[in-house]
Amino acid sequence: MTNKTPIYQQLHALYCSLTMRNVTFDFGVMMRWEMWHAKGWGEDELHTVIRFIKRKISRKERRDESLRLHNFLDIARFEDDLIDARGVGRRPIVDR
């Protein structure tokens, strides 16, 4: 991504690319990305949560709607998913 493109548009383009959802970038969407980014989140967190949700969807533990932009950019939901995604990555593997 180029440095000349505003961060909100960069994040939105990455979201669309990773989710394969072509969502229009308008003022309302820009404001949601601005609030999301103000929490200190960026591309790494975007990748982490999308991967996490896609895994859950493939296991039928989540629905496709989890990746809809209005659900994805909900601050509380995203924060919960990020915590869960990071927690899953830290769980020790236990032999049974």
PDB file of N, CA and C in Angstrom:
ATOM      1  N   MET A   1       0.834  -1.174   0.000  1.00  0.00           N
ATOM      2  CA  MET A   1       0.000   0.000   0.000  1.00  0.00           C
ATOM      3  C   MET A   1       0.883   1.243   0.000  1.00  0.00           C
ATOM      4  N   THR A   2       0.384   2.253  -0.667  1.00  0.00           N
ATOM      5  CA  THR A   2       1.190   3.456  -0.792  1.00  0.00           C
ATOM      6  C   THR A   2       0.994   4.369   0.407  1.00  0.00           C
ATOM      7  N   ASN A   3       2.021   5.174   0.646  1.00  0.00           N
ATOM      8  CA  ASN A   3       1.950   6.115   1.768  1.00  0.00           C
ATOM      9  C   ASN A   3       1.035   7.293   1.465  1.00  0.00           C
ATOM     10  N   LYS A   4       0.729   7.539   0.177  1.00  0.00           N
ATOM     11  CA  LYS A   4      -0.111   8.672  -0.198  1.00  0.00           C
ATOM     12  C   LYS A   4      -1.585   8.400   0.072  1.00  0.00           C
ATOM     13  N   THR A   5      -1.947   7.154   0.195  1.00  0.00           N
ATOM     14  CA  THR A   5      -3.331   6.790   0.473  1.00  0.00           C
ATOM     15  C   THR A   5      -3.578   6.903   1.969  1.00  0.00           C
ATOM     16  N   PRO A   6      -4.655   7.591   2.374  1.00  0.00           N
ATOM     17  CA  PRO A   6      -4.951   7.692   3.812  1.00  0.00           C
ATOM     18  C   PRO A   6      -5.064   6.307   4.458  1.00  0.00           C
ATOM     19  N   ILE A   7      -4.671   6.215   5.709  1.00  0.00           N
ATOM     20  CA  ILE A   7      -4.637   4.939   6.427  1.00  0.00           C
ATOM     21  C   ILE A   7      -5.999   4.256   6.416  1.00  0.00           C
ATOM     22  N   TYR A   8      -7.079   5.027   6.507  1.00  0.00           N
ATOM     23  CA  TYR A   8      -8.412   4.430   6.546  1.00  0.00           C
ATOM     24  C   TYR A   8      -8.730   3.708   5.242  1.00  0.00           C
ATOM     25  N   GLN A   9      -8.321   4.320   4.129  1.00  0.00           N
ATOM     26  CA  GLN A   9      -8.534   3.682   2.836  1.00  0.00           C
ATOM     27  C   GLN A   9      -7.636   2.452   2.687  1.00  0.00           C
ATOM     28  N   GLN A  10      -6.433   2.528   3.218  1.00  0.00           N
ATOM     29  CA  GLN A  10      -5.528   1.377   3.170  1.00  0.00           C
ATOM     30  C   GLN A  10      -6.114   0.206   3.951  1.00  0.00           C
ATOM     31  N   LEU A  11      -6.594   0.482   5.155  1.00  0.00           N
ATOM     32  CA  LEU A  11      -7.183  -0.567   5.980  1.00  0.00           C
ATOM     33  C   LEU A  11      -8.428  -1.142   5.318  1.00  0.00           C
ATOM     34  N   HIS A  12      -9.235  -0.283   4.743  1.00  0.00           N
ATOM     35  CA  HIS A  12     -10.459  -0.735   4.078  1.00  0.00           C
ATOM     36  C   HIS A  12     -10.123  -1.618   2.871  1.00  0.00           C
ATOM     37  N   ALA A  13      -9.147  -1.203   2.092  1.00  0.00           N
ATOM     38  CA  ALA A  13      -8.735  -2.000   0.924  1.00  0.00           C
ATOM     39  C   ALA A  13      -8.200  -3.357   1.374  1.00  0.00           C
ATOM     40  N   LEU A  14      -7.440  -3.378   2.453  1.00  0.00           N
ATOM     41  CA  LEU A  14      -6.920  -4.639   2.976  1.00  0.00           C
ATOM     42  C   LEU A  14      -8.065  -5.519   3.463  1.00  0.00           C
ATOM     43  N   TYR A  15      -9.004  -4.931   4.197  1.00  0.00           N
ATOM     44  CA  TYR A  15     -10.181  -5.674   4.652  1.00  0.00           C
ATOM     45  C   TYR A  15     -10.901  -6.309   3.459  1.00  0.00           C
ATOM     46  N   CYS A  16     -11.168  -5.516   2.432  1.00  0.00           N
ATOM     47  CA  CYS A  16     -11.876  -6.017   1.244  1.00  0.00           C
ATOM     48  C   CYS A  16     -11.092  -7.142   0.583  1.00  0.00           C
ATOM     49  N   SER A  17      -9.792  -6.999   0.516  1.00  0.00           N
ATOM     50  CA  SER A  17      -8.939  -8.019  -0.095  1.00  0.00           C
ATOM     51  C   SER A  17      -8.942  -9.319   0.713  1.00  0.00           C
ATOM     52  N   LEU A  18      -8.802  -9.216   2.017  1.00  0.00           N
ATOM     53  CA  LEU A  18      -8.722 -10.402   2.873  1.00  0.00           C
ATOM     54  C   LEU A  18     -10.064 -11.122   3.010  1.00  0.00           C
ATOM     55  N   THR A  19     -11.156 -10.361   2.962  1.00  0.00           N
ATOM     56  CA  THR A  19     -12.480 -10.969   3.140  1.00  0.00           C
ATOM     57  C   THR A  19     -13.165 -11.267   1.815  1.00  0.00           C
ATOM     58  N   MET A  20     -12.618 -10.732   0.741  1.00  0.00           N
ATOM     59  CA  MET A  20     -13.213 -10.858  -0.587  1.00  0.00           C
ATOM     60  C   MET A  20     -14.627 -10.266  -0.608  1.00  0.00           C
ATOM     61  N   ARG A  21     -14.801  -9.211   0.148  1.00  0.00           N
ATOM     62  CA  ARG A  21     -16.079  -8.478   0.201  1.00  0.00           C
ATOM     63  C   ARG A  21     -15.815  -7.084  -0.372  1.00  0.00           C
ATOM     64  N   ASN A  22     -16.561  -6.710  -1.383  1.00  0.00           N
ATOM     65  CA  ASN A  22     -16.373  -5.414  -2.027  1.00  0.00           C
ATOM     66  C   ASN A  22     -17.337  -4.404  -1.410  1.00  0.00           C
ATOM     67  N   VAL A  23     -16.883  -3.746  -0.357  1.00  0.00           N
ATOM     68  CA  VAL A  23     -17.715  -2.800   0.384  1.00  0.00           C
ATOM     69  C   VAL A  23     -17.321  -1.385  -0.016  1.00  0.00           C
ATOM     70  N   THR A  24     -18.315  -0.565  -0.320  1.00  0.00           N
ATOM     71  CA  THR A  24     -18.081   0.815  -0.715  1.00  0.00           C
ATOM     72  C   THR A  24     -17.428   1.597   0.421  1.00  0.00           C
ATOM     73  N   PHE A  25     -16.436   2.406   0.070  1.00  0.00           N
ATOM     74  CA  PHE A  25     -15.772   3.271   1.046  1.00  0.00           C
ATOM     75  C   PHE A  25     -16.428   4.636   0.961  1.00  0.00           C
ATOM     76  N   ASP A  26     -17.231   4.983   1.968  1.00  0.00           N
ATOM     77  CA  ASP A  26     -17.883   6.283   2.004  1.00  0.00           C
ATOM     78  C   ASP A  26     -17.542   6.967   3.325  1.00  0.00           C
ATOM     79  N   PHE A  27     -18.159   8.105   3.581  1.00  0.00           N
ATOM     80  CA  PHE A  27     -17.833   8.865   4.787  1.00  0.00           C
ATOM     81  C   PHE A  27     -18.135   8.073   6.054  1.00  0.00           C
ATOM     82  N   GLY A  28     -19.282   7.391   6.099  1.00  0.00           N
ATOM     83  CA  GLY A  28     -19.646   6.606   7.275  1.00  0.00           C
ATOM     84  C   GLY A  28     -18.646   5.491   7.546  1.00  0.00           C
ATOM     85  N   VAL A  29     -18.210   4.836   6.491  1.00  0.00           N
ATOM     86  CA  VAL A  29     -17.219   3.765   6.622  1.00  0.00           C
ATOM     87  C   VAL A  29     -15.886   4.352   7.077  1.00  0.00           C
ATOM     88  N   MET A  30     -15.525   5.495   6.516  1.00  0.00           N
ATOM     89  CA  MET A  30     -14.270   6.141   6.919  1.00  0.00           C
ATOM     90  C   MET A  30     -14.283   6.463   8.416  1.00  0.00           C
ATOM     91  N   MET A  31     -15.423   6.946   8.908  1.00  0.00           N
ATOM     92  CA  MET A  31     -15.522   7.290  10.332  1.00  0.00           C
ATOM     93  C   MET A  31     -15.397   6.035  11.205  1.00  0.00           C
ATOM     94  N   ARG A  32     -15.984   4.931  10.759  1.00  0.00           N
ATOM     95  CA  ARG A  32     -15.864   3.687  11.523  1.00  0.00           C
ATOM     96  C   ARG A  32     -14.420   3.222  11.549  1.00  0.00           C
ATOM     97  N   TRP A  33     -13.704   3.313  10.407  1.00  0.00           N
ATOM     98  CA  TRP A  33     -12.293   2.942  10.374  1.00  0.00           C
ATOM     99  C   TRP A  33     -11.468   3.881  11.254  1.00  0.00           C
ATOM    100  N   GLU A  34     -11.837   5.159  11.270  1.00  0.00           N
ATOM    101  CA  GLU A  34     -11.106   6.129  12.101  1.00  0.00           C
ATOM    102  C   GLU A  34     -11.236   5.760  13.583  1.00  0.00           C
ATOM    103  N   MET A  35     -12.440   5.420  14.036  1.00  0.00           N
ATOM    104  CA  MET A  35     -12.633   5.024  15.438  1.00  0.00           C
ATOM    105  C   MET A  35     -11.876   3.725  15.734  1.00  0.00           C
ATOM    106  N   TRP A  36     -11.920   2.799  14.800  1.00  0.00           N
ATOM    107  CA  TRP A  36     -11.231   1.510  14.940  1.00  0.00           C
ATOM    108  C   TRP A  36      -9.723   1.750  15.072  1.00  0.00           C
ATOM    109  N   HIS A  37      -9.188   2.557  14.175  1.00  0.00           N
ATOM    110  CA  HIS A  37      -7.743   2.841  14.158  1.00  0.00           C
ATOM    111  C   HIS A  37      -7.317   3.654  15.389  1.00  0.00           C
ATOM    112  N   ALA A  38      -8.211   4.482  15.915  1.00  0.00           N
ATOM    113  CA  ALA A  38      -7.898   5.283  17.106  1.00  0.00           C
ATOM    114  C   ALA A  38      -7.623   4.401  18.324  1.00  0.00           C
ATOM    115  N   LYS A  39      -8.098   3.163  18.299  1.00  0.00           N
ATOM    116  CA  LYS A  39      -7.820   2.219  19.386  1.00  0.00           C
ATOM    117  C   LYS A  39      -6.382   1.698  19.314  1.00  0.00           C
ATOM    118  N   GLY A  40      -5.659   2.088  18.273  1.00  0.00           N
ATOM    119  CA  GLY A  40      -4.275   1.652  18.134  1.00  0.00           C
ATOM    120  C   GLY A  40      -4.113   0.422  17.257  1.00  0.00           C
ATOM    121  N   TRP A  41      -5.186  -0.001  16.632  1.00  0.00           N
ATOM    122  CA  TRP A  41      -5.131  -1.196  15.795  1.00  0.00           C
ATOM    123  C   TRP A  41      -4.717  -0.846  14.374  1.00  0.00           C
ATOM    124  N   GLY A  42      -4.078  -1.816  13.727  1.00  0.00           N
ATOM    125  CA  GLY A  42      -3.616  -1.620  12.361  1.00  0.00           C
ATOM    126  C   GLY A  42      -3.688  -2.908  11.567  1.00  0.00           C
ATOM    127  N   GLU A  43      -2.821  -3.008  10.575  1.00  0.00           N
ATOM    128  CA  GLU A  43      -2.834  -4.146   9.654  1.00  0.00           C
ATOM    129  C   GLU A  43      -2.621  -5.485  10.362  1.00  0.00           C
ATOM    130  N   ASP A  44      -1.730  -5.525  11.334  1.00  0.00           N
ATOM    131  CA  ASP A  44      -1.468  -6.796  12.035  1.00  0.00           C
ATOM    132  C   ASP A  44      -2.722  -7.312  12.730  1.00  0.00           C
ATOM    133  N   GLU A  45      -3.419  -6.427  13.416  1.00  0.00           N
ATOM    134  CA  GLU A  45      -4.632  -6.823  14.111  1.00  0.00           C
ATOM    135  C   GLU A  45      -5.732  -7.220  13.123  1.00  0.00           C
ATOM    136  N   LEU A  46      -5.788  -6.518  12.017  1.00  0.00           N
ATOM    137  CA  LEU A  46      -6.753  -6.828  10.971  1.00  0.00           C
ATOM    138  C   LEU A  46      -6.529  -8.253  10.448  1.00  0.00           C
ATOM    139  N   HIS A  47      -5.282  -8.558  10.111  1.00  0.00           N
ATOM    140  CA  HIS A  47      -4.924  -9.907   9.648  1.00  0.00           C
ATOM    141  C   HIS A  47      -5.264 -10.959  10.701  1.00  0.00           C
ATOM    142  N   THR A  48      -4.874 -10.700  11.928  1.00  0.00           N
ATOM    143  CA  THR A  48      -5.068 -11.662  13.020  1.00  0.00           C
ATOM    144  C   THR A  48      -6.536 -12.017  13.206  1.00  0.00           C
ATOM    145  N   VAL A  49      -7.383 -11.010  13.273  1.00  0.00           N
ATOM    146  CA  VAL A  49      -8.800 -11.260  13.544  1.00  0.00           C
ATOM    147  C   VAL A  49      -9.499 -11.872  12.338  1.00  0.00           C
ATOM    148  N   ILE A  50      -9.164 -11.446  11.151  1.00  0.00           N
ATOM    149  CA  ILE A  50      -9.795 -12.047   9.970  1.00  0.00           C
ATOM    150  C   ILE A  50      -9.428 -13.520   9.867  1.00  0.00           C
ATOM    151  N   ARG A  51      -8.165 -13.855  10.090  1.00  0.00           N
ATOM    152  CA  ARG A  51      -7.747 -15.267  10.077  1.00  0.00           C
ATOM    153  C   ARG A  51      -8.515 -16.057  11.137  1.00  0.00           C
ATOM    154  N   PHE A  52      -8.608 -15.495  12.327  1.00  0.00           N
ATOM    155  CA  PHE A  52      -9.299 -16.126  13.446  1.00  0.00           C
ATOM    156  C   PHE A  52     -10.770 -16.388  13.103  1.00  0.00           C
ATOM    157  N   ILE A  53     -11.451 -15.371  12.588  1.00  0.00           N
ATOM    158  CA  ILE A  53     -12.869 -15.519  12.256  1.00  0.00           C
ATOM    159  C   ILE A  53     -13.050 -16.522  11.116  1.00  0.00           C
ATOM    160  N   LYS A  54     -12.187 -16.469  10.116  1.00  0.00           N
ATOM    161  CA  LYS A  54     -12.306 -17.425   9.003  1.00  0.00           C
ATOM    162  C   LYS A  54     -12.148 -18.866   9.495  1.00  0.00           C
ATOM    163  N   ARG A  55     -11.218 -19.084  10.418  1.00  0.00           N
ATOM    164  CA  ARG A  55     -11.055 -20.432  10.990  1.00  0.00           C
ATOM    165  C   ARG A  55     -12.327 -20.871  11.707  1.00  0.00           C
ATOM    166  N   LYS A  56     -12.892 -19.968  12.484  1.00  0.00           N
ATOM    167  CA  LYS A  56     -14.125 -20.275  13.208  1.00  0.00           C
ATOM    168  C   LYS A  56     -15.276 -20.567  12.234  1.00  0.00           C
ATOM    169  N   ILE A  57     -15.355 -19.813  11.161  1.00  0.00           N
ATOM    170  CA  ILE A  57     -16.402 -20.034  10.157  1.00  0.00           C
ATOM    171  C   ILE A  57     -16.224 -21.407   9.519  1.00  0.00           C
ATOM    172  N   SER A  58     -14.997 -21.757   9.189  1.00  0.00           N
ATOM    173  CA  SER A  58     -14.762 -23.057   8.542  1.00  0.00           C
ATOM    174  C   SER A  58     -15.113 -24.221   9.457  1.00  0.00           C
ATOM    175  N   ARG A  59     -15.050 -24.005  10.776  1.00  0.00           N
ATOM    176  CA  ARG A  59     -15.412 -25.039  11.751  1.00  0.00           C
ATOM    177  C   ARG A  59     -16.881 -24.953  12.163  1.00  0.00           C
ATOM    178  N   LYS A  60     -17.613 -24.055  11.518  1.00  0.00           N
ATOM    179  CA  LYS A  60     -19.042 -23.849  11.815  1.00  0.00           C
ATOM    180  C   LYS A  60     -19.269 -23.314  13.232  1.00  0.00           C
ATOM    181  N   GLU A  61     -18.251 -22.643  13.784  1.00  0.00           N
ATOM    182  CA  GLU A  61     -18.371 -22.045  15.110  1.00  0.00           C
ATOM    183  C   GLU A  61     -18.798 -20.582  15.040  1.00  0.00           C
ATOM    184  N   ARG A  62     -18.737 -20.017  13.838  1.00  0.00           N
ATOM    185  CA  ARG A  62     -19.168 -18.637  13.592  1.00  0.00           C
ATOM    186  C   ARG A  62     -19.914 -18.627  12.271  1.00  0.00           C
ATOM    187  N   ARG A  63     -20.659 -17.564  12.044  1.00  0.00           N
ATOM    188  CA  ARG A  63     -21.379 -17.412  10.785  1.00  0.00           C
ATOM    189  C   ARG A  63     -20.642 -16.435   9.884  1.00  0.00           C
ATOM    190  N   ASP A  64     -20.914 -16.530   8.588  1.00  0.00           N
ATOM    191  CA  ASP A  64     -20.290 -15.640   7.611  1.00  0.00           C
ATOM    192  C   ASP A  64     -20.513 -14.165   7.947  1.00  0.00           C
ATOM    193  N   GLU A  65     -21.625 -13.888   8.591  1.00  0.00           N
ATOM    194  CA  GLU A  65     -21.958 -12.507   8.934  1.00  0.00           C
ATOM    195  C   GLU A  65     -20.926 -11.868   9.870  1.00  0.00           C
ATOM    196  N   SER A  66     -20.120 -12.684  10.496  1.00  0.00           N
ATOM    197  CA  SER A  66     -19.078 -12.158  11.388  1.00  0.00           C
ATOM    198  C   SER A  66     -18.099 -11.262  10.654  1.00  0.00           C
ATOM    199  N   LEU A  67     -17.972 -11.472   9.342  1.00  0.00           N
ATOM    200  CA  LEU A  67     -17.036 -10.675   8.563  1.00  0.00           C
ATOM    201  C   LEU A  67     -17.690  -9.468   7.890  1.00  0.00           C
ATOM    202  N   ARG A  68     -18.992  -9.294   8.075  1.00  0.00           N
ATOM    203  CA  ARG A  68     -19.628  -8.092   7.525  1.00  0.00           C
ATOM    204  C   ARG A  68     -19.004  -6.882   8.186  1.00  0.00           C
ATOM    205  N   LEU A  69     -18.804  -5.845   7.408  1.00  0.00           N
ATOM    206  CA  LEU A  69     -18.071  -4.677   7.887  1.00  0.00           C
ATOM    207  C   LEU A  69     -18.664  -4.084   9.163  1.00  0.00           C
ATOM    208  N   HIS A  70     -19.978  -3.931   9.239  1.00  0.00           N
ATOM    209  CA  HIS A  70     -20.566  -3.309  10.431  1.00  0.00           C
ATOM    210  C   HIS A  70     -20.367  -4.184  11.664  1.00  0.00           C
ATOM    211  N   ASN A  71     -20.303  -5.490  11.497  1.00  0.00           N
ATOM    212  CA  ASN A  71     -20.001  -6.375  12.628  1.00  0.00           C
ATOM    213  C   ASN A  71     -18.511  -6.341  12.949  1.00  0.00           C
ATOM    214  N   PHE A  72     -17.707  -6.413  11.915  1.00  0.00           N
ATOM    215  CA  PHE A  72     -16.259  -6.477  12.079  1.00  0.00           C
ATOM    216  C   PHE A  72     -15.701  -5.225  12.751  1.00  0.00           C
ATOM    217  N   LEU A  73     -16.224  -4.057  12.373  1.00  0.00           N
ATOM    218  CA  LEU A  73     -15.696  -2.796  12.916  1.00  0.00           C
ATOM    219  C   LEU A  73     -16.347  -2.378  14.228  1.00  0.00           C
ATOM    220  N   ASP A  74     -17.255  -3.177  14.739  1.00  0.00           N
ATOM    221  CA  ASP A  74     -17.811  -2.892  16.056  1.00  0.00           C
ATOM    222  C   ASP A  74     -16.667  -3.022  17.064  1.00  0.00           C
ATOM    223  N   ILE A  75     -16.353  -1.954  17.747  1.00  0.00           N
ATOM    224  CA  ILE A  75     -15.173  -1.884  18.615  1.00  0.00           C
ATOM    225  C   ILE A  75     -15.165  -2.998  19.671  1.00  0.00           C
ATOM    226  N   ALA A  76     -16.264  -3.176  20.374  1.00  0.00           N
ATOM    227  CA  ALA A  76     -16.312  -4.186  21.441  1.00  0.00           C
ATOM    228  C   ALA A  76     -16.161  -5.595  20.872  1.00  0.00           C
ATOM    229  N   ARG A  77     -16.846  -5.878  19.771  1.00  0.00           N
ATOM    230  CA  ARG A  77     -16.734  -7.203  19.149  1.00  0.00           C
ATOM    231  C   ARG A  77     -15.314  -7.461  18.666  1.00  0.00           C
ATOM    232  N   PHE A  78     -14.745  -6.441  18.010  1.00  0.00           N
ATOM    233  CA  PHE A  78     -13.392  -6.614  17.479  1.00  0.00           C
ATOM    234  C   PHE A  78     -12.405  -6.862  18.609  1.00  0.00           C
ATOM    235  N   GLU A  79     -12.536  -6.098  19.676  1.00  0.00           N
ATOM    236  CA  GLU A  79     -11.621  -6.253  20.804  1.00  0.00           C
ATOM    237  C   GLU A  79     -11.728  -7.659  21.399  1.00  0.00           C
ATOM    238  N   ASP A  80     -12.950  -8.157  21.552  1.00  0.00           N
ATOM    239  CA  ASP A  80     -13.148  -9.520  22.047  1.00  0.00           C
ATOM    240  C   ASP A  80     -12.512 -10.544  21.112  1.00  0.00           C
ATOM    241  N   ASP A  81     -12.730 -10.375  19.808  1.00  0.00           N
ATOM    242  CA  ASP A  81     -12.147 -11.309  18.837  1.00  0.00           C
ATOM    243  C   ASP A  81     -10.625 -11.254  18.854  1.00  0.00           C
ATOM    244  N   LEU A  82     -10.080 -10.050  19.003  1.00  0.00           N
ATOM    245  CA  LEU A  82      -8.626  -9.907  19.042  1.00  0.00           C
ATOM    246  C   LEU A  82      -8.048 -10.597  20.276  1.00  0.00           C
ATOM    247  N   ILE A  83      -8.695 -10.411  21.403  1.00  0.00           N
ATOM    248  CA  ILE A  83      -8.239 -11.073  22.637  1.00  0.00           C
ATOM    249  C   ILE A  83      -8.297 -12.584  22.473  1.00  0.00           C
ATOM    250  N   ASP A  84      -9.422 -13.073  21.935  1.00  0.00           N
ATOM    251  CA  ASP A  84      -9.557 -14.516  21.713  1.00  0.00           C
ATOM    252  C   ASP A  84      -8.521 -15.026  20.723  1.00  0.00           C
ATOM    253  N   ALA A  85      -8.319 -14.297  19.642  1.00  0.00           N
ATOM    254  CA  ALA A  85      -7.358 -14.723  18.619  1.00  0.00           C
ATOM    255  C   ALA A  85      -5.949 -14.784  19.183  1.00  0.00           C
ATOM    256  N   ARG A  86      -5.592 -13.795  19.968  1.00  0.00           N
ATOM    257  CA  ARG A  86      -4.258 -13.797  20.576  1.00  0.00           C
ATOM    258  C   ARG A  86      -4.135 -14.882  21.630  1.00  0.00           C
ATOM    259  N   GLY A  87      -5.210 -15.144  22.347  1.00  0.00           N
ATOM    260  CA  GLY A  87      -5.212 -16.198  23.357  1.00  0.00           C
ATOM    261  C   GLY A  87      -5.055 -17.569  22.740  1.00  0.00           C
ATOM    262  N   VAL A  88      -5.717 -17.797  21.628  1.00  0.00           N
ATOM    263  CA  VAL A  88      -5.614 -19.081  20.935  1.00  0.00           C
ATOM    264  C   VAL A  88      -4.181 -19.326  20.510  1.00  0.00           C
ATOM    265  N   GLY A  89      -3.512 -18.290  20.066  1.00  0.00           N
ATOM    266  CA  GLY A  89      -2.130 -18.436  19.619  1.00  0.00           C
ATOM    267  C   GLY A  89      -1.157 -18.751  20.734  1.00  0.00           C
ATOM    268  N   ARG A  90      -1.546 -18.462  21.990  1.00  0.00           N
ATOM    269  CA  ARG A  90      -0.659 -18.689  23.134  1.00  0.00           C
ATOM    270  C   ARG A  90      -0.957 -19.968  23.880  1.00  0.00           C
ATOM    271  N   ARG A  91      -2.027 -20.654  23.512  1.00  0.00           N
ATOM    272  CA  ARG A  91      -2.386 -21.877  24.240  1.00  0.00           C
ATOM    273  C   ARG A  91      -1.349 -22.966  24.003  1.00  0.00           C
ATOM    274  N   PRO A  92      -0.920 -23.608  25.058  1.00  0.00           N
ATOM    275  CA  PRO A  92       0.051 -24.701  24.889  1.00  0.00           C
ATOM    276  C   PRO A  92      -0.632 -25.926  24.261  1.00  0.00           C
ATOM    277  N   ILE A  93       0.132 -26.667  23.507  1.00  0.00           N
ATOM    278  CA  ILE A  93      -0.372 -27.897  22.909  1.00  0.00           C
ATOM    279  C   ILE A  93      -0.197 -28.993  23.947  1.00  0.00           C
ATOM    280  N   VAL A  94      -1.274 -29.698  24.240  1.00  0.00           N
ATOM    281  CA  VAL A  94      -1.253 -30.742  25.266  1.00  0.00           C
ATOM    282  C   VAL A  94      -1.506 -32.085  24.596  1.00  0.00           C
ATOM    283  N   ASP A  95      -0.635 -33.048  24.863  1.00  0.00           N
ATOM    284  CA  ASP A  95      -0.852 -34.404  24.357  1.00  0.00           C
ATOM    285  C   ASP A  95      -1.921 -35.061  25.196  1.00  0.00           C
ATOM    286  N   ARG A  96      -2.794 -35.775  24.546  1.00  0.00           N
ATOM    287  CA  ARG A  96      -3.865 -36.450  25.285  1.00  0.00           C
ATOM    288  C   ARG A  96      -3.719 -37.940  25.141  1.00  0.00           C
TER     289      ARG A  96
END
